[in-house]
């Protein structure tokens, strides 16, 4: 099975860890997790390479999840 590269976007580091742990406990085959604290940070991660899954919070500072261009 293909291992996923996951981008988790949330301004709360605790929530990012909870999401990652939940994915792993659900048996999702994860190769790497990229954390981002807002939409601008997430865009920087996306510019660096391919991710398979983006999980994005809506309410964040700087660039929120509704402004984040997916």
PDB file of N, CA and C in Angstrom:
ATOM      1  N   UNK A   1       0.839  -1.194   0.000  1.00  0.00           N
ATOM      2  CA  UNK A   1       0.000   0.000   0.000  1.00  0.00           C
ATOM      3  C   UNK A   1       0.877   1.248   0.000  1.00  0.00           C
ATOM      4  N   UNK A   2       0.453   2.245  -0.726  1.00  0.00           N
ATOM      5  CA  UNK A   2       1.173   3.509  -0.834  1.00  0.00           C
ATOM      6  C   UNK A   2       1.165   4.255   0.498  1.00  0.00           C
ATOM      7  N   UNK A   3       2.325   4.713   0.924  1.00  0.00           N
ATOM      8  CA  UNK A   3       2.405   5.514   2.146  1.00  0.00           C
ATOM      9  C   UNK A   3       2.099   6.969   1.807  1.00  0.00           C
ATOM     10  N   UNK A   4       1.299   7.602   2.650  1.00  0.00           N
ATOM     11  CA  UNK A   4       0.851   8.967   2.396  1.00  0.00           C
ATOM     12  C   UNK A   4       1.773  10.014   3.010  1.00  0.00           C
ATOM     13  N   UNK A   5       1.918  11.099   2.279  1.00  0.00           N
ATOM     14  CA  UNK A   5       2.591  12.299   2.794  1.00  0.00           C
ATOM     15  C   UNK A   5       1.461  13.287   3.104  1.00  0.00           C
ATOM     16  N   UNK A   6       1.297  13.613   4.394  1.00  0.00           N
ATOM     17  CA  UNK A   6       0.134  14.357   4.871  1.00  0.00           C
ATOM     18  C   UNK A   6       0.541  15.743   5.364  1.00  0.00           C
ATOM     19  N   UNK A   7      -0.188  16.746   4.903  1.00  0.00           N
ATOM     20  CA  UNK A   7      -0.023  18.120   5.378  1.00  0.00           C
ATOM     21  C   UNK A   7      -1.177  18.422   6.325  1.00  0.00           C
ATOM     22  N   UNK A   8      -0.845  18.750   7.577  1.00  0.00           N
ATOM     23  CA  UNK A   8      -1.857  19.096   8.579  1.00  0.00           C
ATOM     24  C   UNK A   8      -1.710  20.576   8.897  1.00  0.00           C
ATOM     25  N   UNK A   9      -2.769  21.341   8.604  1.00  0.00           N
ATOM     26  CA  UNK A   9      -2.746  22.793   8.772  1.00  0.00           C
ATOM     27  C   UNK A   9      -3.697  23.181   9.893  1.00  0.00           C
ATOM     28  N   UNK A  10      -3.134  23.692  10.976  1.00  0.00           N
ATOM     29  CA  UNK A  10      -3.933  24.130  12.129  1.00  0.00           C
ATOM     30  C   UNK A  10      -3.056  25.041  12.964  1.00  0.00           C
ATOM     31  N   UNK A  11      -3.629  26.118  13.484  1.00  0.00           N
ATOM     32  CA  UNK A  11      -2.836  27.045  14.289  1.00  0.00           C
ATOM     33  C   UNK A  11      -2.523  26.490  15.678  1.00  0.00           C
ATOM     34  N   UNK A  12      -3.147  25.404  16.053  1.00  0.00           N
ATOM     35  CA  UNK A  12      -2.891  24.768  17.351  1.00  0.00           C
ATOM     36  C   UNK A  12      -1.977  23.554  17.158  1.00  0.00           C
ATOM     37  N   UNK A  13      -0.796  23.604  17.746  1.00  0.00           N
ATOM     38  CA  UNK A  13       0.121  22.465  17.629  1.00  0.00           C
ATOM     39  C   UNK A  13      -0.466  21.223  18.304  1.00  0.00           C
ATOM     40  N   UNK A  14      -1.232  21.432  19.352  1.00  0.00           N
ATOM     41  CA  UNK A  14      -1.879  20.301  20.034  1.00  0.00           C
ATOM     42  C   UNK A  14      -2.862  19.615  19.091  1.00  0.00           C
ATOM     43  N   UNK A  15      -3.667  20.392  18.367  1.00  0.00           N
ATOM     44  CA  UNK A  15      -4.624  19.808  17.426  1.00  0.00           C
ATOM     45  C   UNK A  15      -3.910  19.093  16.283  1.00  0.00           C
ATOM     46  N   UNK A  16      -2.797  19.642  15.812  1.00  0.00           N
ATOM     47  CA  UNK A  16      -2.036  18.963  14.753  1.00  0.00           C
ATOM     48  C   UNK A  16      -1.570  17.593  15.233  1.00  0.00           C
ATOM     49  N   UNK A  17      -1.102  17.514  16.475  1.00  0.00           N
ATOM     50  CA  UNK A  17      -0.659  16.231  17.035  1.00  0.00           C
ATOM     51  C   UNK A  17      -1.826  15.266  17.218  1.00  0.00           C
ATOM     52  N   UNK A  18      -2.970  15.776  17.647  1.00  0.00           N
ATOM     53  CA  UNK A  18      -4.154  14.934  17.823  1.00  0.00           C
ATOM     54  C   UNK A  18      -4.600  14.364  16.474  1.00  0.00           C
ATOM     55  N   UNK A  19      -4.606  15.194  15.443  1.00  0.00           N
ATOM     56  CA  UNK A  19      -4.996  14.729  14.110  1.00  0.00           C
ATOM     57  C   UNK A  19      -4.029  13.660  13.620  1.00  0.00           C
ATOM     58  N   UNK A  20      -2.734  13.908  13.778  1.00  0.00           N
ATOM     59  CA  UNK A  20      -1.744  12.918  13.352  1.00  0.00           C
ATOM     60  C   UNK A  20      -1.925  11.597  14.097  1.00  0.00           C
ATOM     61  N   UNK A  21      -2.079  11.669  15.402  1.00  0.00           N
ATOM     62  CA  UNK A  21      -2.262  10.457  16.201  1.00  0.00           C
ATOM     63  C   UNK A  21      -3.530   9.714  15.774  1.00  0.00           C
ATOM     64  N   UNK A  22      -4.592  10.450  15.512  1.00  0.00           N
ATOM     65  CA  UNK A  22      -5.853   9.825  15.089  1.00  0.00           C
ATOM     66  C   UNK A  22      -5.698   9.099  13.757  1.00  0.00           C
ATOM     67  N   UNK A  23      -4.971   9.703  12.831  1.00  0.00           N
ATOM     68  CA  UNK A  23      -4.730   9.055  11.540  1.00  0.00           C
ATOM     69  C   UNK A  23      -3.948   7.761  11.715  1.00  0.00           C
ATOM     70  N   UNK A  24      -2.908   7.828  12.524  1.00  0.00           N
ATOM     71  CA  UNK A  24      -2.073   6.639  12.747  1.00  0.00           C
ATOM     72  C   UNK A  24      -2.861   5.537  13.452  1.00  0.00           C
ATOM     73  N   UNK A  25      -3.666   5.906  14.458  1.00  0.00           N
ATOM     74  CA  UNK A  25      -4.465   4.918  15.184  1.00  0.00           C
ATOM     75  C   UNK A  25      -5.548   4.308  14.296  1.00  0.00           C
ATOM     76  N   UNK A  26      -5.970   5.048  13.260  1.00  0.00           N
ATOM     77  CA  UNK A  26      -6.969   4.539  12.326  1.00  0.00           C
ATOM     78  C   UNK A  26      -6.350   3.598  11.296  1.00  0.00           C
ATOM     79  N   UNK A  27      -5.041   3.450  11.361  1.00  0.00           N
ATOM     80  CA  UNK A  27      -4.366   2.528  10.457  1.00  0.00           C
ATOM     81  C   UNK A  27      -3.968   3.134   9.128  1.00  0.00           C
ATOM     82  N   UNK A  28      -4.028   4.453   9.020  1.00  0.00           N
ATOM     83  CA  UNK A  28      -3.610   5.123   7.783  1.00  0.00           C
ATOM     84  C   UNK A  28      -2.099   4.956   7.654  1.00  0.00           C
ATOM     85  N   UNK A  29      -1.652   4.520   6.496  1.00  0.00           N
ATOM     86  CA  UNK A  29      -0.240   4.268   6.238  1.00  0.00           C
ATOM     87  C   UNK A  29       0.450   5.596   5.888  1.00  0.00           C
ATOM     88  N   UNK A  30       1.131   6.194   6.870  1.00  0.00           N
ATOM     89  CA  UNK A  30       1.719   7.520   6.708  1.00  0.00           C
ATOM     90  C   UNK A  30       3.233   7.425   6.594  1.00  0.00           C
ATOM     91  N   UNK A  31       3.756   8.051   5.535  1.00  0.00           N
ATOM     92  CA  UNK A  31       5.199   8.139   5.360  1.00  0.00           C
ATOM     93  C   UNK A  31       5.755   9.342   6.119  1.00  0.00           C
ATOM     94  N   UNK A  32       5.084  10.500   5.949  1.00  0.00           N
ATOM     95  CA  UNK A  32       5.589  11.724   6.559  1.00  0.00           C
ATOM     96  C   UNK A  32       4.432  12.682   6.804  1.00  0.00           C
ATOM     97  N   UNK A  33       4.511  13.432   7.913  1.00  0.00           N
ATOM     98  CA  UNK A  33       3.533  14.457   8.237  1.00  0.00           C
ATOM     99  C   UNK A  33       4.234  15.809   8.213  1.00  0.00           C
ATOM    100  N   UNK A  34       3.617  16.744   7.504  1.00  0.00           N
ATOM    101  CA  UNK A  34       4.128  18.109   7.443  1.00  0.00           C
ATOM    102  C   UNK A  34       3.180  19.007   8.231  1.00  0.00           C
ATOM    103  N   UNK A  35       3.643  19.645   9.301  1.00  0.00           N
ATOM    104  CA  UNK A  35       2.786  20.547  10.061  1.00  0.00           C
ATOM    105  C   UNK A  35       2.886  21.972   9.523  1.00  0.00           C
ATOM    106  N   UNK A  36       1.765  22.702   9.590  1.00  0.00           N
ATOM    107  CA  UNK A  36       1.754  24.117   9.239  1.00  0.00           C
ATOM    108  C   UNK A  36       0.774  24.835  10.160  1.00  0.00           C
ATOM    109  N   UNK A  37       1.149  26.028  10.594  1.00  0.00           N
ATOM    110  CA  UNK A  37       0.340  26.782  11.545  1.00  0.00           C
ATOM    111  C   UNK A  37      -0.693  27.692  10.919  1.00  0.00           C
ATOM    112  N   UNK A  38      -0.631  27.875   9.592  1.00  0.00           N
ATOM    113  CA  UNK A  38      -1.622  28.682   8.873  1.00  0.00           C
ATOM    114  C   UNK A  38      -1.487  28.403   7.381  1.00  0.00           C
ATOM    115  N   UNK A  39      -2.357  29.021   6.592  1.00  0.00           N
ATOM    116  CA  UNK A  39      -2.370  28.771   5.159  1.00  0.00           C
ATOM    117  C   UNK A  39      -1.091  29.175   4.451  1.00  0.00           C
ATOM    118  N   UNK A  40      -0.478  30.274   4.880  1.00  0.00           N
ATOM    119  CA  UNK A  40       0.775  30.703   4.241  1.00  0.00           C
ATOM    120  C   UNK A  40       1.889  29.681   4.465  1.00  0.00           C
ATOM    121  N   UNK A  41       2.003  29.173   5.689  1.00  0.00           N
ATOM    122  CA  UNK A  41       2.998  28.127   5.961  1.00  0.00           C
ATOM    123  C   UNK A  41       2.711  26.881   5.123  1.00  0.00           C
ATOM    124  N   UNK A  42       1.442  26.556   4.982  1.00  0.00           N
ATOM    125  CA  UNK A  42       1.059  25.384   4.194  1.00  0.00           C
ATOM    126  C   UNK A  42       1.456  25.552   2.728  1.00  0.00           C
ATOM    127  N   UNK A  43       1.275  26.746   2.192  1.00  0.00           N
ATOM    128  CA  UNK A  43       1.688  26.992   0.810  1.00  0.00           C
ATOM    129  C   UNK A  43       3.188  26.788   0.642  1.00  0.00           C
ATOM    130  N   UNK A  44       3.963  27.198   1.647  1.00  0.00           N
ATOM    131  CA  UNK A  44       5.401  26.967   1.616  1.00  0.00           C
ATOM    132  C   UNK A  44       5.743  25.490   1.572  1.00  0.00           C
ATOM    133  N   UNK A  45       5.015  24.691   2.328  1.00  0.00           N
ATOM    134  CA  UNK A  45       5.229  23.235   2.316  1.00  0.00           C
ATOM    135  C   UNK A  45       4.882  22.678   0.943  1.00  0.00           C
ATOM    136  N   UNK A  46       3.769  23.128   0.377  1.00  0.00           N
ATOM    137  CA  UNK A  46       3.346  22.622  -0.927  1.00  0.00           C
ATOM    138  C   UNK A  46       4.325  22.988  -2.035  1.00  0.00           C
ATOM    139  N   UNK A  47       4.968  24.137  -1.917  1.00  0.00           N
ATOM    140  CA  UNK A  47       5.965  24.547  -2.912  1.00  0.00           C
ATOM    141  C   UNK A  47       7.203  23.655  -2.883  1.00  0.00           C
ATOM    142  N   UNK A  48       7.462  23.032  -1.739  1.00  0.00           N
ATOM    143  CA  UNK A  48       8.653  22.204  -1.588  1.00  0.00           C
ATOM    144  C   UNK A  48       8.482  20.800  -2.152  1.00  0.00           C
ATOM    145  N   UNK A  49       7.274  20.356  -2.350  1.00  0.00           N
ATOM    146  CA  UNK A  49       7.088  19.001  -2.870  1.00  0.00           C
ATOM    147  C   UNK A  49       5.663  18.519  -2.782  1.00  0.00           C
ATOM    148  N   UNK A  50       5.491  17.296  -3.194  1.00  0.00           N
ATOM    149  CA  UNK A  50       4.173  16.677  -3.292  1.00  0.00           C
ATOM    150  C   UNK A  50       3.688  16.165  -1.939  1.00  0.00           C
ATOM    151  N   UNK A  51       2.401  16.407  -1.682  1.00  0.00           N
ATOM    152  CA  UNK A  51       1.721  15.771  -0.560  1.00  0.00           C
ATOM    153  C   UNK A  51       0.500  15.055  -1.130  1.00  0.00           C
ATOM    154  N   UNK A  52       0.059  14.022  -0.446  1.00  0.00           N
ATOM    155  CA  UNK A  52      -1.075  13.240  -0.907  1.00  0.00           C
ATOM    156  C   UNK A  52      -2.401  13.660  -0.281  1.00  0.00           C
ATOM    157  N   UNK A  53      -2.310  14.237   0.920  1.00  0.00           N
ATOM    158  CA  UNK A  53      -3.518  14.581   1.668  1.00  0.00           C
ATOM    159  C   UNK A  53      -3.276  15.875   2.430  1.00  0.00           C
ATOM    160  N   UNK A  54      -4.249  16.805   2.344  1.00  0.00           N
ATOM    161  CA  UNK A  54      -4.197  18.050   3.105  1.00  0.00           C
ATOM    162  C   UNK A  54      -5.407  18.090   4.018  1.00  0.00           C
ATOM    163  N   UNK A  55      -5.165  18.247   5.314  1.00  0.00           N
ATOM    164  CA  UNK A  55      -6.221  18.431   6.305  1.00  0.00           C
ATOM    165  C   UNK A  55      -6.053  19.833   6.864  1.00  0.00           C
ATOM    166  N   UNK A  56      -7.063  20.674   6.676  1.00  0.00           N
ATOM    167  CA  UNK A  56      -6.908  22.100   6.975  1.00  0.00           C
ATOM    168  C   UNK A  56      -8.026  22.616   7.878  1.00  0.00           C
ATOM    169  N   UNK A  57      -7.621  23.287   8.942  1.00  0.00           N
ATOM    170  CA  UNK A  57      -8.551  23.979   9.829  1.00  0.00           C
ATOM    171  C   UNK A  57      -9.124  25.184   9.071  1.00  0.00           C
ATOM    172  N   UNK A  58     -10.279  25.650   9.465  1.00  0.00           N
ATOM    173  CA  UNK A  58     -10.868  26.826   8.820  1.00  0.00           C
ATOM    174  C   UNK A  58     -10.477  28.102   9.544  1.00  0.00           C
ATOM    175  N   UNK A  59     -10.534  28.111  10.868  1.00  0.00           N
ATOM    176  CA  UNK A  59     -10.312  29.327  11.639  1.00  0.00           C
ATOM    177  C   UNK A  59      -8.859  29.419  12.090  1.00  0.00           C
ATOM    178  N   UNK A  60      -8.049  30.210  11.345  1.00  0.00           N
ATOM    179  CA  UNK A  60      -6.623  30.388  11.662  1.00  0.00           C
ATOM    180  C   UNK A  60      -6.225  31.828  11.367  1.00  0.00           C
ATOM    181  N   UNK A  61      -5.144  32.300  11.995  1.00  0.00           N
ATOM    182  CA  UNK A  61      -4.641  33.636  11.683  1.00  0.00           C
ATOM    183  C   UNK A  61      -3.869  33.632  10.358  1.00  0.00           C
ATOM    184  N   UNK A  62      -3.521  34.796   9.883  1.00  0.00           N
ATOM    185  CA  UNK A  62      -2.717  35.057   8.689  1.00  0.00           C
ATOM    186  C   UNK A  62      -3.479  34.664   7.422  1.00  0.00           C
ATOM    187  N   UNK A  63      -3.652  33.379   7.169  1.00  0.00           N
ATOM    188  CA  UNK A  63      -4.470  32.905   6.047  1.00  0.00           C
ATOM    189  C   UNK A  63      -5.297  31.736   6.562  1.00  0.00           C
ATOM    190  N   UNK A  64      -6.623  31.917   6.596  1.00  0.00           N
ATOM    191  CA  UNK A  64      -7.454  30.852   7.146  1.00  0.00           C
ATOM    192  C   UNK A  64      -7.750  29.775   6.104  1.00  0.00           C
ATOM    193  N   UNK A  65      -8.440  28.752   6.526  1.00  0.00           N
ATOM    194  CA  UNK A  65      -8.722  27.625   5.659  1.00  0.00           C
ATOM    195  C   UNK A  65      -9.628  27.944   4.487  1.00  0.00           C
ATOM    196  N   UNK A  66     -10.449  28.980   4.614  1.00  0.00           N
ATOM    197  CA  UNK A  66     -11.302  29.372   3.498  1.00  0.00           C
ATOM    198  C   UNK A  66     -10.529  30.134   2.431  1.00  0.00           C
ATOM    199  N   UNK A  67      -9.489  30.831   2.830  1.00  0.00           N
ATOM    200  CA  UNK A  67      -8.636  31.566   1.884  1.00  0.00           C
ATOM    201  C   UNK A  67      -7.580  30.667   1.244  1.00  0.00           C
ATOM    202  N   UNK A  68      -7.299  29.550   1.888  1.00  0.00           N
ATOM    203  CA  UNK A  68      -6.245  28.641   1.421  1.00  0.00           C
ATOM    204  C   UNK A  68      -6.632  28.045   0.075  1.00  0.00           C
ATOM    205  N   UNK A  69      -5.823  28.272  -0.957  1.00  0.00           N
ATOM    206  CA  UNK A  69      -6.190  27.822  -2.311  1.00  0.00           C
ATOM    207  C   UNK A  69      -5.877  26.352  -2.559  1.00  0.00           C
ATOM    208  N   UNK A  70      -6.858  25.519  -2.503  1.00  0.00           N
ATOM    209  CA  UNK A  70      -6.658  24.101  -2.808  1.00  0.00           C
ATOM    210  C   UNK A  70      -7.116  23.785  -4.189  1.00  0.00           C
TER     211      UNK A  70
END
